[in-house]
């Protein structure tokens, strides 16, 4: 009987000790401890969208691009959300310094490099762009944007503002100094290619197709177009095609391709021969 009481007393002491141990702070199960830990919500900083940003783009992505480049010392201009020539030079400089192809196009690889290099950046200037659902593109209030709006009103193909801007750049780079009819004809050739199954289906795809346009090869595509070049694009979008449906044109004084001379020639406007 005495032995039984001793065993019973020992068992009670053991159970009591174990109970006290698990009731002490810090001895709860790991899962419940994690559930009780408050989650501190950090302030989210702007991050790039998935859109490719390039010359002529406008909006939130360009605002962030300029801000990060300025933070790193690659951009000294105004943060105006407009991807112009100054931003283009800054992007190329950044790409060159970080061992990338300096093409001025801000795709996924450039965004990642820029983001990782400027993780401590935060917006310090109010955005000048208007909010838009266009994925990095929008419309401002200056004269150039109003001219773009005028082009957009004649945009039966539903082209983006960026596509319209690139078309105007191409017309200016390829045909400035040519008669207005010739400038419209260049714009029409671009649209004719867009509508042809043999070429890319967008103006930018046509214009930046390797070897397609001299202005791309020599960099004149990045010159700021004048009002006449923008008007030429508008006229082509309205249906005027002085080329007569041509897909090619060339300057006989400067052409180096033998192949272009084999194309059926339709007409000459200014210094350019337009052909099929």
Protein backbone atom coordinates (compact mmCIF):
# COMPACT_ATOMS: atom_id res chain seq x y z
CA UNK A 1 0.00 0.00 0.00
CA UNK A 2 2.84 2.32 0.88
CA UNK A 3 4.56 1.53 -2.47
CA UNK A 4 1.35 2.26 -4.36
CA UNK A 5 0.99 5.65 -2.66
CA UNK A 6 4.62 6.45 -3.56
CA UNK A 7 4.08 5.63 -7.22
CA UNK A 8 0.89 7.68 -7.29
CA UNK A 9 2.63 10.68 -5.69
CA UNK A 10 5.50 10.46 -8.21
CA UNK A 11 3.07 10.34 -11.16
CA UNK A 12 1.21 13.43 -9.92
CA UNK A 13 4.49 15.39 -9.60
CA UNK A 14 5.55 14.40 -13.16
CA UNK A 15 2.24 15.42 -14.71
CA UNK A 16 2.29 18.75 -12.83
CA UNK A 17 5.83 19.52 -14.03
CA UNK A 18 4.97 18.83 -17.64
CA UNK A 19 1.87 20.99 -17.46
CA UNK A 20 3.75 23.93 -16.01
CA UNK A 21 6.43 23.69 -18.73
CA UNK A 22 3.94 24.02 -21.60
CA UNK A 23 2.10 26.83 -19.91
CA UNK A 24 5.24 28.98 -19.65
CA UNK A 25 5.70 31.80 -22.34
CA UNK A 26 7.72 30.79 -25.41
CA UNK A 27 6.85 27.09 -25.19
CA UNK A 28 3.79 27.20 -27.44
CA UNK A 29 3.80 25.33 -30.74
CA UNK A 30 5.56 26.94 -33.69
CA UNK A 31 2.38 27.18 -35.79
CA UNK A 32 0.44 29.17 -33.20
CA UNK A 33 3.43 31.46 -32.59
CA UNK A 34 3.53 32.31 -36.33
CA UNK A 35 -0.20 33.01 -36.35
CA UNK A 36 0.13 35.43 -33.45
CA UNK A 37 2.99 37.40 -35.03
CA UNK A 38 1.57 40.67 -36.43
CA UNK A 39 2.39 41.29 -40.13
CA UNK A 40 3.81 44.77 -40.72
CA UNK A 41 2.52 46.18 -44.02
CA UNK A 42 5.24 48.04 -45.89
CA UNK A 43 4.50 50.95 -48.15
CA UNK A 44 4.55 49.73 -51.74
CA UNK A 45 6.62 51.67 -54.23
CA UNK A 46 5.67 52.00 -57.91
CA UNK A 47 6.90 49.20 -60.11
CA UNK A 48 7.00 48.91 -63.87
CA UNK A 49 4.13 47.35 -65.77
CA UNK A 50 4.76 44.53 -68.25
CA UNK A 51 4.64 46.92 -71.22
CA UNK A 52 7.71 47.64 -73.31
CA UNK A 53 8.67 51.29 -72.98
CA UNK A 54 10.39 53.07 -75.87
CA UNK A 55 10.76 56.38 -77.67
CA UNK A 56 7.37 58.05 -77.96
CA UNK A 57 5.85 56.28 -74.93
CA UNK A 58 4.05 58.35 -72.31
CA UNK A 59 2.66 57.71 -68.85
CA UNK A 60 3.36 56.02 -65.51
CA UNK A 61 6.08 53.67 -66.79
CA UNK A 62 8.02 56.58 -68.28
CA UNK A 63 7.56 58.56 -65.05
CA UNK A 64 9.15 55.72 -63.09
CA UNK A 65 11.83 55.18 -65.74
CA UNK A 66 12.92 58.83 -65.60
CA UNK A 67 12.79 58.84 -61.79
CA UNK A 68 15.00 55.78 -61.42
CA UNK A 69 17.46 56.99 -64.07
CA UNK A 70 17.67 60.37 -62.36
CA UNK A 71 18.22 58.69 -58.98
CA UNK A 72 21.21 56.85 -60.49
CA UNK A 73 22.58 59.96 -62.23
CA UNK A 74 21.87 58.89 -65.80
CA UNK A 75 19.10 61.45 -66.41
CA UNK A 76 19.16 65.16 -65.65
CA UNK A 77 16.02 66.29 -67.43
CA UNK A 78 12.53 67.04 -66.20
CA UNK A 79 10.42 64.09 -65.03
CA UNK A 80 7.52 64.73 -67.39
CA UNK A 81 6.43 61.14 -68.19
CA UNK A 82 7.34 61.72 -71.84
CA UNK A 83 9.90 59.40 -73.47
CA UNK A 84 11.73 61.91 -75.67
CA UNK A 85 15.26 62.24 -77.00
CA UNK A 86 16.81 63.06 -73.60
CA UNK A 87 15.27 59.99 -72.00
CA UNK A 88 16.37 57.89 -74.97
CA UNK A 89 20.00 58.98 -74.53
CA UNK A 90 19.82 58.26 -70.80
CA UNK A 91 18.42 54.76 -71.39
CA UNK A 92 21.13 53.96 -73.92
CA UNK A 93 23.78 55.23 -71.52
CA UNK A 94 22.40 53.08 -68.71
CA UNK A 95 22.21 50.01 -70.96
CA UNK A 96 25.78 50.53 -72.14
CA UNK A 97 27.12 50.94 -68.60
CA UNK A 98 25.36 47.76 -67.46
CA UNK A 99 26.62 45.64 -70.34
CA UNK A 100 23.37 45.52 -72.26
CA UNK A 101 22.51 46.19 -75.88
CA UNK A 102 22.13 49.97 -76.07
CA UNK A 103 19.02 50.08 -78.25
CA UNK A 104 17.00 52.48 -76.10
CA UNK A 105 14.13 50.02 -75.74
CA UNK A 106 13.13 49.35 -72.13
CA UNK A 107 12.00 45.74 -72.04
CA UNK A 108 11.94 43.20 -69.22
CA UNK A 109 15.74 42.82 -68.99
CA UNK A 110 16.41 46.57 -68.80
CA UNK A 111 13.60 47.07 -66.27
CA UNK A 112 15.04 44.37 -64.02
CA UNK A 113 18.56 45.84 -64.17
CA UNK A 114 17.22 49.32 -63.47
CA UNK A 115 14.98 48.15 -60.63
CA UNK A 116 17.77 46.21 -58.94
CA UNK A 117 20.13 49.18 -59.25
CA UNK A 118 17.64 51.61 -57.72
CA UNK A 119 15.77 49.65 -55.06
CA UNK A 120 15.92 52.59 -52.64
CA UNK A 121 14.34 55.01 -55.13
CA UNK A 122 11.01 56.55 -54.24
CA UNK A 123 8.97 59.19 -56.10
CA UNK A 124 9.94 62.73 -55.19
CA UNK A 125 8.12 64.69 -57.91
CA UNK A 126 4.38 64.74 -58.65
CA UNK A 127 3.50 62.97 -61.93
CA UNK A 128 2.57 65.28 -64.80
CA UNK A 129 0.77 62.62 -66.82
CA UNK A 130 -2.93 61.89 -66.63
CA UNK A 131 -4.01 58.46 -65.47
CA UNK A 132 -4.84 56.23 -68.39
CA UNK A 133 -5.87 52.63 -69.02
CA UNK A 134 -3.56 52.51 -72.03
CA UNK A 135 -0.74 50.71 -70.21
CA UNK A 136 1.92 53.39 -70.01
CA UNK A 137 0.51 55.70 -72.64
CA UNK A 138 -1.69 58.74 -72.25
CA UNK A 139 -2.36 62.25 -73.45
CA UNK A 140 -0.98 65.50 -72.07
CA UNK A 141 -2.04 69.09 -72.50
CA UNK A 142 0.76 70.65 -74.54
CA UNK A 143 0.67 71.56 -78.22
CA UNK A 144 2.41 68.42 -79.38
CA UNK A 145 -0.15 66.27 -77.57
CA UNK A 146 -3.00 68.23 -79.14
CA UNK A 147 -1.53 67.52 -82.55
CA UNK A 148 -1.41 63.85 -81.60
CA UNK A 149 -5.07 64.07 -80.59
CA UNK A 150 -5.87 65.47 -84.01
CA UNK A 151 -4.15 62.51 -85.62
CA UNK A 152 -6.04 60.20 -83.29
CA UNK A 153 -9.37 61.63 -84.42
CA UNK A 154 -8.59 60.42 -87.93
CA UNK A 155 -7.30 57.07 -86.71
CA UNK A 156 -9.69 54.60 -88.33
CA UNK A 157 -7.27 51.71 -87.70
CA UNK A 158 -7.37 52.19 -83.94
CA UNK A 159 -3.60 52.72 -83.71
CA UNK A 160 -2.10 53.75 -80.36
CA UNK A 161 -0.63 57.20 -79.80
CA UNK A 162 2.80 55.59 -79.76
CA UNK A 163 2.25 54.01 -83.19
CA UNK A 164 1.08 57.34 -84.61
CA UNK A 165 4.14 59.07 -83.16
CA UNK A 166 6.51 56.48 -84.61
CA UNK A 167 4.86 56.90 -88.03
CA UNK A 168 5.35 60.67 -87.87
CA UNK A 169 8.99 60.12 -86.86
CA UNK A 170 9.49 57.81 -89.85
CA UNK A 171 7.92 60.26 -92.28
CA UNK A 172 10.07 63.10 -90.93
CA UNK A 173 13.25 61.03 -90.93
CA UNK A 174 12.67 59.58 -94.38
CA UNK A 175 10.99 62.39 -96.29
CA UNK A 176 11.51 65.80 -94.74
CA UNK A 177 12.29 68.24 -97.53
CA UNK A 178 10.10 66.24 -99.91
CA UNK A 179 6.81 67.71 -101.20
CA UNK A 180 3.84 67.12 -98.92
CA UNK A 181 2.42 64.59 -101.36
CA UNK A 182 5.63 62.62 -101.11
CA UNK A 183 5.47 62.64 -97.31
CA UNK A 184 1.90 61.33 -97.39
CA UNK A 185 3.05 58.66 -99.85
CA UNK A 186 5.73 57.46 -97.39
CA UNK A 187 3.11 57.22 -94.64
CA UNK A 188 0.83 55.35 -97.04
CA UNK A 189 3.58 52.83 -97.87
CA UNK A 190 3.89 52.07 -94.15
CA UNK A 191 0.14 51.47 -93.90
CA UNK A 192 0.18 49.38 -97.08
CA UNK A 193 2.79 47.15 -95.52
CA UNK A 194 0.74 46.85 -92.31
CA UNK A 195 -2.15 45.60 -94.43
CA UNK A 196 0.05 43.17 -96.40
CA UNK A 197 0.54 39.59 -95.13
CA UNK A 198 4.19 39.82 -96.19
CA UNK A 199 5.02 42.40 -93.53
CA UNK A 200 4.51 42.94 -89.76
CA UNK A 201 0.98 43.90 -88.76
CA UNK A 202 1.81 47.13 -86.89
CA UNK A 203 3.47 50.40 -87.99
CA UNK A 204 6.27 50.03 -85.44
CA UNK A 205 6.85 46.44 -86.58
CA UNK A 206 7.09 47.61 -90.20
CA UNK A 207 9.31 50.58 -89.41
CA UNK A 208 11.76 48.69 -87.20
CA UNK A 209 11.96 45.62 -89.42
CA UNK A 210 15.71 45.11 -89.99
CA UNK A 211 16.98 46.94 -93.07
CA UNK A 212 13.56 48.34 -93.97
CA UNK A 213 14.08 52.09 -93.47
CA UNK A 214 17.20 54.23 -93.77
CA UNK A 215 16.03 56.55 -90.98
CA UNK A 216 16.16 53.66 -88.53
CA UNK A 217 19.63 52.63 -89.66
CA UNK A 218 21.13 56.11 -89.33
CA UNK A 219 19.19 57.16 -86.23
CA UNK A 220 17.09 59.89 -87.83
CA UNK A 221 13.97 58.02 -86.74
CA UNK A 222 14.50 59.60 -83.31
CA UNK A 223 14.33 63.19 -84.56
CA UNK A 224 11.30 65.11 -83.34
CA UNK A 225 8.77 65.28 -86.22
CA UNK A 226 7.31 68.60 -87.33
CA UNK A 227 3.64 69.46 -87.83
CA UNK A 228 3.78 68.66 -91.54
CA UNK A 229 4.98 65.09 -90.94
CA UNK A 230 2.16 64.57 -88.44
CA UNK A 231 -0.31 66.00 -90.94
CA UNK A 232 1.00 63.62 -93.60
CA UNK A 233 0.28 60.67 -91.32
CA UNK A 234 -3.21 62.03 -90.67
CA UNK A 235 -3.89 62.29 -94.41
CA UNK A 236 -2.69 58.73 -95.02
CA UNK A 237 -4.91 57.48 -92.19
CA UNK A 238 -7.82 59.31 -93.86
CA UNK A 239 -7.26 57.20 -96.97
CA UNK A 240 -5.09 59.33 -99.23
CA UNK A 241 -2.47 57.14 -100.93
CA UNK A 242 -0.44 59.11 -103.49
CA UNK A 243 1.77 56.02 -104.00
CA UNK A 244 -1.05 54.09 -105.62
CA UNK A 245 -0.80 51.14 -103.24
CA UNK A 246 2.98 50.72 -103.35
CA UNK A 247 4.95 48.71 -100.82
CA UNK A 248 8.40 50.15 -101.56
CA UNK A 249 10.13 53.40 -102.43
CA UNK A 250 13.73 54.49 -102.88
CA UNK A 251 15.91 57.41 -103.80
CA UNK A 252 17.73 56.54 -107.05
CA UNK A 253 20.59 58.88 -106.16
CA UNK A 254 21.42 57.07 -102.93
CA UNK A 255 20.06 53.52 -103.34
CA UNK A 256 22.70 50.81 -103.07
CA UNK A 257 20.44 47.77 -103.40
CA UNK A 258 20.31 46.14 -106.83
CA UNK A 259 17.19 44.26 -105.82
CA UNK A 260 15.08 47.42 -105.39
CA UNK A 261 15.59 48.23 -109.07
CA UNK A 262 13.87 44.98 -110.00
CA UNK A 263 10.58 46.05 -108.43
CA UNK A 264 7.82 47.33 -110.78
CA UNK A 265 7.96 51.13 -110.64
CA UNK A 266 4.68 53.03 -110.40
CA UNK A 267 5.54 56.72 -110.08
CA UNK A 268 8.08 59.28 -108.95
CA UNK A 269 7.20 61.87 -106.30
CA UNK A 270 9.96 64.32 -105.47
CA UNK A 271 13.21 62.40 -105.04
CA UNK A 272 11.55 59.02 -104.43
CA UNK A 273 10.50 56.29 -106.86
CA UNK A 274 7.54 54.28 -105.57
CA UNK A 275 7.21 50.66 -106.61
CA UNK A 276 5.39 47.40 -105.97
